[in-house]
């Protein structure tokens, strides 16, 4: 069962192979989602300062009935935090809101503030400062692992050049029809685990006739095919849902996709419209 399997990060920390994404799950309802997920067997929960639900996540952790050390909790440093002092304060605030003594993984949410996502400035200095704060918290035992999100190769090289700890994770948009293969290969070559957010393309894959046909061939749902696709590539999928039925479905992926079918899925035409999510910078199509 995939929920019992894990990847090993470059520092030896084990991370469950699938996680529950919590973007757009409110602070008031996310505690129940955490409890439902843990009851089903999930041990990996992904949140972020920007989601505004860290307090609720903490509530769910306390009420889920599983020991803290059995859970893997990820949060993200807000994209706008680009100074050492801000980052230190933000890390401590996340610990406080989550009600935890340590966080399993903390990552920089984006190399650029969201309001500047389409601009040229990659905030190299600010990212180095934020990374230094993560390194210090990691060395102090507040964080078990540190990483980045939405970082391109040049962004990763910048913090590696200025730091002493390599990023262990890069969380990026990756799904059937939109997989950054060059970036994935670079990360793998540098022992950086790639996590795939929005593995079902915010539901847009459910409308793709080729994907639907392939899912029918394997007698699985479209989300199951999409999640298995990520796993076949060695990625860590983070499907988001607050629905226990969908949580179970998303974790029932103990099948294999053939090499020929993977080749076809890798070459499906890119989705151009992410629906309501299209307003969020990372979903802007070029």
Protein backbone atom coordinates (compact mmCIF):
# COMPACT_ATOMS: atom_id res chain seq x y z
CA UNK A 1 0.00 0.00 0.00
CA UNK A 2 1.45 3.31 -1.12
CA UNK A 3 0.59 5.05 2.16
CA UNK A 4 3.13 2.82 3.91
CA UNK A 5 5.92 3.50 1.41
CA UNK A 6 8.46 6.31 1.62
CA UNK A 7 11.31 8.06 -0.17
CA UNK A 8 14.56 8.84 1.62
CA UNK A 9 15.81 12.42 1.49
CA UNK A 10 19.52 13.13 1.05
CA UNK A 11 19.95 13.64 4.80
CA UNK A 12 18.44 10.21 5.55
CA UNK A 13 15.00 11.44 6.64
CA UNK A 14 12.15 9.28 5.33
CA UNK A 15 9.17 11.02 3.73
CA UNK A 16 5.90 9.22 2.86
CA UNK A 17 5.48 8.75 -0.90
CA UNK A 18 2.13 10.51 -1.06
CA UNK A 19 0.88 13.50 0.91
CA UNK A 20 -2.39 15.28 1.53
CA UNK A 21 -2.43 18.73 -0.04
CA UNK A 22 -4.47 21.34 1.86
CA UNK A 23 -4.51 24.40 -0.41
CA UNK A 24 -7.95 26.04 -0.37
CA UNK A 25 -9.07 24.01 2.68
CA UNK A 26 -10.10 26.57 5.27
CA UNK A 27 -8.61 26.88 8.74
CA UNK A 28 -12.04 26.02 10.18
CA UNK A 29 -12.46 22.75 8.26
CA UNK A 30 -8.89 21.49 7.76
CA UNK A 31 -8.64 19.80 11.18
CA UNK A 32 -11.36 17.34 10.16
CA UNK A 33 -9.58 16.73 6.83
CA UNK A 34 -6.37 15.89 8.73
CA UNK A 35 -8.22 13.52 11.07
CA UNK A 36 -9.97 11.80 8.15
CA UNK A 37 -6.72 11.45 6.21
CA UNK A 38 -4.84 10.00 9.19
CA UNK A 39 -7.65 7.51 9.85
CA UNK A 40 -7.41 6.35 6.23
CA UNK A 41 -3.64 5.90 6.61
CA UNK A 42 -2.06 9.15 5.43
CA UNK A 43 0.94 10.23 7.45
CA UNK A 44 2.12 13.14 5.28
CA UNK A 45 0.29 16.49 5.48
CA UNK A 46 1.31 19.49 3.35
CA UNK A 47 0.40 23.07 4.22
CA UNK A 48 1.86 26.58 3.90
CA UNK A 49 1.83 29.93 5.62
CA UNK A 50 0.02 31.28 2.56
CA UNK A 51 -2.83 28.76 2.97
CA UNK A 52 -3.87 30.37 6.26
CA UNK A 53 -4.69 27.01 7.82
CA UNK A 54 -1.65 26.12 9.93
CA UNK A 55 -3.62 26.57 13.16
CA UNK A 56 -6.29 24.15 11.94
CA UNK A 57 -3.66 21.67 10.78
CA UNK A 58 -2.19 21.75 14.29
CA UNK A 59 -5.61 21.13 15.76
CA UNK A 60 -6.03 18.10 13.50
CA UNK A 61 -2.61 16.76 14.45
CA UNK A 62 -3.47 16.90 18.14
CA UNK A 63 -6.87 15.25 17.64
CA UNK A 64 -5.93 12.56 15.09
CA UNK A 65 -4.92 9.91 17.62
CA UNK A 66 -1.53 9.17 16.07
CA UNK A 67 1.80 9.93 17.72
CA UNK A 68 3.49 13.08 16.45
CA UNK A 69 6.63 11.21 15.40
CA UNK A 70 4.56 9.02 13.05
CA UNK A 71 3.44 12.06 11.07
CA UNK A 72 5.33 14.06 8.44
CA UNK A 73 4.28 17.72 8.41
CA UNK A 74 5.38 20.15 5.70
CA UNK A 75 4.85 23.90 5.63
CA UNK A 76 6.19 26.69 3.45
CA UNK A 77 7.83 30.01 4.11
CA UNK A 78 5.66 32.69 2.51
CA UNK A 79 6.90 33.77 -0.93
CA UNK A 80 7.10 37.39 0.23
CA UNK A 81 9.59 36.61 3.02
CA UNK A 82 12.97 37.60 1.56
CA UNK A 83 15.05 38.67 4.57
CA UNK A 84 16.79 36.69 7.31
CA UNK A 85 14.94 38.43 10.14
CA UNK A 86 11.53 37.97 8.53
CA UNK A 87 12.27 34.32 7.83
CA UNK A 88 13.37 33.59 11.41
CA UNK A 89 10.16 35.16 12.74
CA UNK A 90 8.05 33.31 10.17
CA UNK A 91 9.56 29.93 11.02
CA UNK A 92 8.85 30.46 14.72
CA UNK A 93 5.32 31.64 13.96
CA UNK A 94 4.59 28.49 11.97
CA UNK A 95 5.81 26.36 14.87
CA UNK A 96 3.54 28.33 17.18
CA UNK A 97 0.46 28.12 14.93
CA UNK A 98 0.97 24.40 14.30
CA UNK A 99 1.60 23.84 18.00
CA UNK A 100 4.69 21.76 17.22
CA UNK A 101 8.19 21.49 18.66
CA UNK A 102 9.54 20.73 15.19
CA UNK A 103 8.41 20.70 11.56
CA UNK A 104 9.44 17.77 9.36
CA UNK A 105 9.97 19.83 6.21
CA UNK A 106 9.91 23.58 5.59
CA UNK A 107 10.41 25.04 2.15
CA UNK A 108 10.59 28.46 0.50
CA UNK A 109 7.24 28.72 -1.31
CA UNK A 110 8.55 30.61 -4.34
CA UNK A 111 11.74 32.32 -5.50
CA UNK A 112 9.65 35.45 -6.14
CA UNK A 113 6.85 37.12 -4.20
CA UNK A 114 3.57 36.17 -5.88
CA UNK A 115 2.89 39.77 -6.93
CA UNK A 116 6.20 39.71 -8.83
CA UNK A 117 5.94 36.21 -10.25
CA UNK A 118 6.08 37.32 -13.87
CA UNK A 119 8.89 39.82 -13.39
CA UNK A 120 12.59 39.34 -14.13
CA UNK A 121 14.04 39.84 -10.62
CA UNK A 122 14.72 36.42 -9.10
CA UNK A 123 15.49 37.82 -5.64
CA UNK A 124 18.80 35.97 -5.34
CA UNK A 125 19.93 37.89 -2.24
CA UNK A 126 16.58 37.55 -0.50
CA UNK A 127 16.41 33.83 -1.18
CA UNK A 128 19.89 33.36 0.24
CA UNK A 129 18.81 35.16 3.41
CA UNK A 130 15.63 33.10 3.71
CA UNK A 131 17.65 29.94 3.10
CA UNK A 132 20.14 30.92 5.82
CA UNK A 133 17.25 31.16 8.26
CA UNK A 134 16.02 27.71 7.22
CA UNK A 135 19.54 26.31 7.59
CA UNK A 136 19.87 27.76 11.09
CA UNK A 137 16.48 26.37 12.14
CA UNK A 138 17.45 23.00 10.65
CA UNK A 139 20.73 22.94 12.56
CA UNK A 140 18.86 23.94 15.73
CA UNK A 141 16.50 20.96 15.39
CA UNK A 142 13.40 23.02 14.64
CA UNK A 143 13.21 21.52 11.12
CA UNK A 144 14.07 17.95 10.11
CA UNK A 145 14.50 18.82 6.44
CA UNK A 146 14.49 21.95 4.27
CA UNK A 147 13.78 22.63 0.64
CA UNK A 148 12.24 24.89 -1.96
CA UNK A 149 9.17 25.18 -4.18
CA UNK A 150 8.70 26.53 -7.69
CA UNK A 151 12.50 26.98 -7.97
CA UNK A 152 14.20 26.71 -11.35
CA UNK A 153 17.76 25.43 -11.73
CA UNK A 154 19.27 28.92 -11.51
CA UNK A 155 17.38 29.58 -8.26
CA UNK A 156 18.62 26.34 -6.73
CA UNK A 157 22.21 27.00 -7.82
CA UNK A 158 22.01 30.43 -6.15
CA UNK A 159 21.17 29.10 -2.69
CA UNK A 160 23.56 26.15 -3.00
CA UNK A 161 26.39 28.57 -3.79
CA UNK A 162 25.59 30.66 -0.74
CA UNK A 163 24.66 27.96 1.75
CA UNK A 164 26.04 24.95 3.57
CA UNK A 165 22.98 22.66 3.36
CA UNK A 166 21.60 21.50 0.00
CA UNK A 167 17.85 21.65 -0.57
CA UNK A 168 16.32 18.23 -0.06
CA UNK A 169 13.06 18.88 -1.92
CA UNK A 170 11.74 21.00 -4.79
CA UNK A 171 7.95 21.13 -4.88
CA UNK A 172 6.65 22.06 -8.33
CA UNK A 173 3.59 21.98 -10.54
CA UNK A 174 3.75 18.58 -12.28
CA UNK A 175 1.04 16.45 -13.83
CA UNK A 176 0.10 14.61 -17.01
CA UNK A 177 0.36 17.16 -19.86
CA UNK A 178 2.62 19.51 -17.86
CA UNK A 179 5.74 17.90 -16.39
CA UNK A 180 9.00 19.92 -16.22
CA UNK A 181 11.21 17.02 -17.32
CA UNK A 182 14.48 18.99 -17.54
CA UNK A 183 14.03 20.39 -14.05
CA UNK A 184 13.07 16.95 -12.71
CA UNK A 185 16.22 15.44 -14.24
CA UNK A 186 18.39 18.20 -12.76
CA UNK A 187 16.89 17.67 -9.32
CA UNK A 188 17.36 13.90 -9.50
CA UNK A 189 21.00 14.34 -10.51
CA UNK A 190 21.46 16.47 -7.38
CA UNK A 191 19.55 14.16 -5.01
CA UNK A 192 16.69 16.64 -4.66
CA UNK A 193 13.31 14.93 -4.36
CA UNK A 194 10.66 16.48 -6.60
CA UNK A 195 7.20 16.81 -5.10
CA UNK A 196 4.28 17.24 -7.51
CA UNK A 197 1.52 19.60 -6.47
CA UNK A 198 -1.77 19.75 -8.37
CA UNK A 199 -1.14 16.23 -9.79
CA UNK A 200 -4.70 16.16 -11.14
CA UNK A 201 -4.34 19.66 -12.66
CA UNK A 202 -7.07 21.03 -10.41
CA UNK A 203 -9.48 18.55 -11.91
CA UNK A 204 -8.82 19.64 -15.48
CA UNK A 205 -7.45 16.19 -16.38
CA UNK A 206 -10.95 14.82 -15.68
CA UNK A 207 -12.04 16.45 -18.95
CA UNK A 208 -9.20 15.08 -21.12
CA UNK A 209 -10.49 12.34 -23.44
CA UNK A 210 -7.07 10.70 -23.88
CA UNK A 211 -6.54 10.53 -20.13
CA UNK A 212 -10.07 9.24 -19.52
CA UNK A 213 -9.52 6.49 -22.11
CA UNK A 214 -6.21 5.50 -20.51
CA UNK A 215 -7.79 5.37 -17.05
CA UNK A 216 -10.53 3.10 -18.40
CA UNK A 217 -7.88 0.80 -19.85
CA UNK A 218 -6.39 0.30 -16.36
CA UNK A 219 -9.84 0.23 -14.71
CA UNK A 220 -8.92 3.15 -12.44
CA UNK A 221 -10.14 6.71 -11.95
CA UNK A 222 -8.48 9.66 -13.67
CA UNK A 223 -7.04 10.88 -10.33
CA UNK A 224 -5.60 7.42 -9.67
CA UNK A 225 -3.95 7.37 -13.11
CA UNK A 226 -2.59 10.90 -12.59
CA UNK A 227 -1.15 10.08 -9.17
CA UNK A 228 0.36 6.80 -10.40
CA UNK A 229 1.95 8.72 -13.31
CA UNK A 230 3.80 10.92 -10.82
CA UNK A 231 4.92 7.92 -8.79
CA UNK A 232 6.20 6.16 -11.92
CA UNK A 233 8.41 9.21 -12.52
CA UNK A 234 9.78 9.05 -8.97
CA UNK A 235 7.84 12.15 -7.92
CA UNK A 236 5.93 12.63 -4.67
CA UNK A 237 2.31 13.58 -5.46
CA UNK A 238 0.32 15.89 -3.18
CA UNK A 239 -3.34 15.56 -4.19
CA UNK A 240 -5.60 18.02 -2.40
CA UNK A 241 -8.99 17.02 -1.07
CA UNK A 242 -11.12 17.34 2.05
CA UNK A 243 -13.35 14.45 0.94
CA UNK A 244 -12.55 11.12 2.69
CA UNK A 245 -13.88 9.14 -0.29
CA UNK A 246 -11.44 10.94 -2.60
CA UNK A 247 -8.61 10.50 -0.08
CA UNK A 248 -9.13 6.73 -0.22
CA UNK A 249 -9.37 6.72 -4.00
CA UNK A 250 -6.21 8.81 -4.36
CA UNK A 251 -4.24 6.35 -2.22
CA UNK A 252 -5.45 3.22 -4.04
CA UNK A 253 -2.77 3.29 -6.71
CA UNK A 254 -1.08 -0.09 -6.44
CA UNK A 255 -0.89 -0.70 -10.18
CA UNK A 256 1.76 -0.09 -12.83
CA UNK A 257 1.58 1.93 -16.03
CA UNK A 258 3.36 0.33 -18.97
CA UNK A 259 6.39 2.02 -20.55
CA UNK A 260 4.46 2.62 -23.78
CA UNK A 261 1.55 4.19 -21.95
CA UNK A 262 3.89 6.35 -19.87
CA UNK A 263 5.47 7.58 -23.11
CA UNK A 264 2.05 8.55 -24.40
CA UNK A 265 1.08 10.28 -21.15
CA UNK A 266 4.34 12.26 -21.18
CA UNK A 267 3.43 13.67 -24.58
CA UNK A 268 -0.21 14.64 -24.09
CA UNK A 269 -0.89 18.23 -25.18
CA UNK A 270 -0.48 20.74 -22.36
CA UNK A 271 -3.57 22.03 -20.58
CA UNK A 272 -4.10 25.72 -21.32
CA UNK A 273 -6.89 26.47 -18.85
CA UNK A 274 -6.81 25.60 -15.14
CA UNK A 275 -10.28 26.97 -14.44
CA UNK A 276 -10.51 29.06 -11.27
CA UNK A 277 -6.86 28.25 -10.44
CA UNK A 278 -5.73 30.03 -13.61
CA UNK A 279 -5.66 33.29 -11.65
CA UNK A 280 -2.84 31.98 -9.47
CA UNK A 281 0.60 32.87 -10.95
CA UNK A 282 2.04 29.33 -11.18
CA UNK A 283 -0.83 28.31 -13.44
CA UNK A 284 -0.34 31.09 -15.96
CA UNK A 285 0.33 29.47 -19.33
CA UNK A 286 3.12 30.91 -21.41
